[in-house]
N, C-alpha and C. Protein backbone atom coordinates (compact mmCIF):
# COMPACT_ATOMS: atom_id res chain seq x y z
N UNK A 1 0.83 -1.21 -0.01
CA UNK A 1 0.01 0.02 0.01
C UNK A 1 0.85 1.29 0.02
N UNK A 2 2.12 1.12 0.35
CA UNK A 2 2.99 2.33 0.35
C UNK A 2 2.97 3.03 -1.05
N UNK A 3 2.95 2.29 -2.15
CA UNK A 3 2.97 2.87 -3.50
C UNK A 3 1.78 3.79 -3.77
N UNK A 4 0.70 3.56 -3.08
CA UNK A 4 -0.50 4.33 -3.29
C UNK A 4 -0.54 5.69 -2.50
N UNK A 5 0.57 5.85 -1.70
CA UNK A 5 0.71 7.12 -1.02
C UNK A 5 -0.60 7.47 -0.21
N UNK A 6 -1.11 8.71 -0.38
CA UNK A 6 -2.24 9.15 0.41
C UNK A 6 -3.52 8.45 0.08
N UNK A 7 -3.61 7.70 -0.99
CA UNK A 7 -4.74 6.87 -1.23
C UNK A 7 -4.83 5.70 -0.39
N UNK A 8 -3.72 5.26 0.14
CA UNK A 8 -3.79 4.07 1.01
C UNK A 8 -4.61 4.32 2.27
N UNK A 9 -4.53 5.44 2.84
CA UNK A 9 -5.38 5.69 4.02
C UNK A 9 -6.89 5.72 3.69
N UNK A 10 -7.20 6.18 2.55
CA UNK A 10 -8.62 6.18 2.15
C UNK A 10 -9.12 4.82 1.77
N UNK A 11 -8.15 3.99 1.29
CA UNK A 11 -8.44 2.63 0.77
C UNK A 11 -8.67 1.63 1.90
N UNK A 12 -7.90 1.66 2.96
CA UNK A 12 -7.95 0.69 4.01
C UNK A 12 -9.33 0.45 4.58
N UNK A 13 -10.11 1.39 4.90
CA UNK A 13 -11.48 1.06 5.49
C UNK A 13 -12.47 0.41 4.53
N UNK A 14 -12.17 0.51 3.23
CA UNK A 14 -13.04 -0.01 2.20
C UNK A 14 -12.56 -1.19 1.55
N UNK A 15 -11.48 -1.92 2.01
CA UNK A 15 -10.93 -3.05 1.34
C UNK A 15 -12.03 -4.22 1.27
N UNK A 16 -12.69 -4.53 2.37
CA UNK A 16 -13.66 -5.57 2.40
C UNK A 16 -14.81 -5.26 1.42
N UNK A 17 -15.25 -4.04 1.49
CA UNK A 17 -16.33 -3.61 0.64
C UNK A 17 -15.99 -3.73 -0.87
N UNK A 18 -14.85 -3.30 -1.26
CA UNK A 18 -14.37 -3.39 -2.64
C UNK A 18 -14.31 -4.82 -3.13
N UNK A 19 -13.83 -5.69 -2.18
CA UNK A 19 -13.77 -7.10 -2.55
C UNK A 19 -15.12 -7.76 -2.66
N UNK A 20 -16.04 -7.35 -1.86
CA UNK A 20 -17.43 -7.86 -1.97
C UNK A 20 -18.22 -7.25 -3.15
N UNK A 21 -17.82 -6.14 -3.75
CA UNK A 21 -18.50 -5.50 -4.84
C UNK A 21 -17.55 -5.29 -5.99
N UNK A 22 -17.29 -6.32 -6.80
CA UNK A 22 -16.22 -6.27 -7.77
C UNK A 22 -16.44 -5.27 -8.91
N UNK A 23 -17.65 -4.75 -9.11
CA UNK A 23 -17.81 -3.73 -10.19
C UNK A 23 -17.67 -2.34 -9.71
N UNK A 24 -17.31 -2.08 -8.50
CA UNK A 24 -17.30 -0.71 -7.97
C UNK A 24 -15.85 -0.25 -7.85
N UNK A 25 -15.73 0.98 -7.53
CA UNK A 25 -14.44 1.71 -7.30
C UNK A 25 -14.58 2.76 -6.29
N UNK A 26 -13.43 3.17 -5.81
CA UNK A 26 -13.24 4.27 -4.84
C UNK A 26 -12.58 5.37 -5.54
N UNK A 27 -13.09 6.53 -5.41
CA UNK A 27 -12.37 7.73 -5.92
C UNK A 27 -11.24 8.09 -5.07
N UNK A 28 -10.03 8.03 -5.61
CA UNK A 28 -8.86 8.34 -4.81
C UNK A 28 -8.31 9.68 -5.34
N UNK A 29 -7.16 10.11 -4.73
CA UNK A 29 -6.61 11.44 -5.10
C UNK A 29 -5.90 11.27 -6.45
N UNK A 30 -5.55 10.12 -6.89
CA UNK A 30 -4.84 9.89 -8.03
C UNK A 30 -5.51 9.05 -9.04
N UNK A 31 -6.80 8.83 -8.88
CA UNK A 31 -7.62 8.02 -9.79
C UNK A 31 -8.61 7.16 -9.16
N UNK A 32 -9.18 6.24 -9.90
CA UNK A 32 -10.21 5.31 -9.41
C UNK A 32 -9.53 3.97 -8.95
N UNK A 33 -9.87 3.58 -7.74
CA UNK A 33 -9.21 2.38 -7.11
C UNK A 33 -10.22 1.34 -7.14
N UNK A 34 -9.90 0.15 -7.50
CA UNK A 34 -10.76 -1.07 -7.50
C UNK A 34 -9.96 -2.26 -7.12
N UNK A 35 -10.68 -3.26 -6.61
CA UNK A 35 -10.00 -4.56 -6.23
C UNK A 35 -10.53 -5.62 -7.24
N UNK A 36 -9.57 -6.55 -7.63
CA UNK A 36 -9.98 -7.64 -8.49
C UNK A 36 -10.30 -8.81 -7.54
N UNK A 37 -10.64 -9.96 -8.20
CA UNK A 37 -11.05 -11.17 -7.41
C UNK A 37 -9.99 -11.74 -6.53
N UNK A 38 -8.74 -11.38 -6.78
CA UNK A 38 -7.54 -11.90 -6.02
C UNK A 38 -7.20 -10.91 -4.91
N UNK A 39 -7.92 -9.86 -4.87
CA UNK A 39 -7.61 -8.86 -3.78
C UNK A 39 -6.56 -7.85 -4.19
N UNK A 40 -6.09 -7.83 -5.39
CA UNK A 40 -5.15 -6.88 -5.89
C UNK A 40 -5.84 -5.58 -6.20
N UNK A 41 -5.20 -4.47 -5.88
CA UNK A 41 -5.78 -3.15 -6.08
C UNK A 41 -5.24 -2.65 -7.35
N UNK A 42 -6.17 -2.11 -8.14
CA UNK A 42 -5.86 -1.44 -9.49
C UNK A 42 -6.23 -0.03 -9.37
N UNK A 43 -5.46 0.81 -10.06
CA UNK A 43 -5.74 2.22 -10.18
C UNK A 43 -5.83 2.67 -11.61
N UNK A 44 -7.02 3.34 -11.89
CA UNK A 44 -7.17 3.91 -13.18
C UNK A 44 -6.84 5.37 -13.06
N UNK A 45 -5.72 5.83 -13.56
CA UNK A 45 -5.23 7.18 -13.43
C UNK A 45 -6.12 8.17 -14.19
N UNK A 46 -6.21 9.30 -13.54
CA UNK A 46 -7.00 10.45 -14.12
C UNK A 46 -6.11 11.40 -14.88
N UNK A 47 -6.38 11.78 -16.04
CA UNK A 47 -5.56 12.81 -16.71
C UNK A 47 -5.89 14.13 -16.16
N UNK A 48 -4.81 14.96 -16.05
CA UNK A 48 -5.08 16.32 -15.46
C UNK A 48 -4.14 17.22 -16.25
N UNK A 49 -4.55 18.59 -16.16
CA UNK A 49 -3.74 19.55 -16.77
C UNK A 49 -3.51 20.61 -15.67
N UNK A 50 -2.33 21.20 -15.50
CA UNK A 50 -2.04 22.14 -14.50
C UNK A 50 -2.39 23.55 -14.98
N UNK A 51 -3.23 24.25 -14.20
CA UNK A 51 -3.70 25.57 -14.50
C UNK A 51 -3.30 26.46 -13.32
N UNK A 52 -2.39 27.41 -13.55
CA UNK A 52 -1.94 28.24 -12.41
C UNK A 52 -1.42 27.47 -11.23
N UNK A 53 -0.75 26.34 -11.50
CA UNK A 53 -0.15 25.47 -10.59
C UNK A 53 -1.13 24.52 -9.80
N UNK A 54 -2.37 24.48 -10.23
CA UNK A 54 -3.34 23.54 -9.66
C UNK A 54 -3.75 22.52 -10.73
N UNK A 55 -3.74 21.23 -10.33
CA UNK A 55 -4.19 20.09 -11.28
C UNK A 55 -5.67 20.24 -11.50
N UNK A 56 -6.10 20.16 -12.72
CA UNK A 56 -7.55 20.25 -13.04
C UNK A 56 -7.79 19.02 -13.91
N UNK A 57 -8.85 18.22 -13.66
CA UNK A 57 -9.21 17.12 -14.55
C UNK A 57 -9.39 17.52 -15.96
N UNK A 58 -8.77 16.79 -16.90
CA UNK A 58 -8.91 17.14 -18.32
C UNK A 58 -10.40 16.78 -18.65
N UNK A 59 -10.94 17.60 -19.52
CA UNK A 59 -12.38 17.40 -19.97
C UNK A 59 -12.72 15.98 -20.36
N UNK A 60 -13.62 15.37 -19.70
CA UNK A 60 -14.02 14.00 -19.96
C UNK A 60 -13.19 12.88 -19.31
N UNK A 61 -12.20 13.35 -18.49
CA UNK A 61 -11.32 12.37 -17.84
C UNK A 61 -12.02 11.57 -16.77
N UNK A 62 -13.05 12.11 -16.24
CA UNK A 62 -13.81 11.44 -15.19
C UNK A 62 -15.14 10.89 -15.63
N UNK A 63 -15.42 11.06 -16.91
CA UNK A 63 -16.67 10.49 -17.46
C UNK A 63 -16.47 8.96 -17.78
N UNK A 64 -17.46 8.22 -17.66
CA UNK A 64 -17.35 6.81 -17.98
C UNK A 64 -17.25 6.61 -19.51
N UNK A 65 -16.56 5.54 -19.84
CA UNK A 65 -16.43 5.24 -21.31
C UNK A 65 -17.71 4.82 -21.92
N UNK A 66 -18.02 5.19 -23.19
CA UNK A 66 -19.18 4.79 -23.78
C UNK A 66 -19.21 3.30 -24.09
N UNK A 67 -20.40 2.68 -24.10
CA UNK A 67 -20.52 1.31 -24.35
C UNK A 67 -20.27 1.03 -25.77
N UNK A 68 -19.42 0.14 -26.18
CA UNK A 68 -19.18 -0.17 -27.59
C UNK A 68 -20.12 -1.23 -28.04
N UNK A 69 -20.67 -1.00 -29.21
CA UNK A 69 -21.65 -1.95 -29.81
C UNK A 69 -20.91 -2.79 -30.87
N UNK A 70 -21.16 -4.11 -30.85
CA UNK A 70 -20.52 -5.00 -31.82
C UNK A 70 -21.07 -4.74 -33.23
N UNK A 71 -20.20 -4.96 -34.18
CA UNK A 71 -20.66 -4.82 -35.57
C UNK A 71 -21.55 -5.91 -36.04
N UNK A 72 -22.33 -5.71 -37.12
CA UNK A 72 -23.25 -6.70 -37.66
C UNK A 72 -22.52 -7.58 -38.61
């Protein structure tokens, strides 16, 4: 958990919950944190742009991906 830095403190109370709900995630300071069926934590990084020294999420970075439809 050391590699997650400040997200580790937010993650610890929710470990059991994340394992019991595999399709969910926790919003962390550096992205979305989720647990797989083996208990490994994965982080989806959020793209950001610095504006006047403050990180701002890039437009659409926090939006869910659209569902892809298969071809006919």
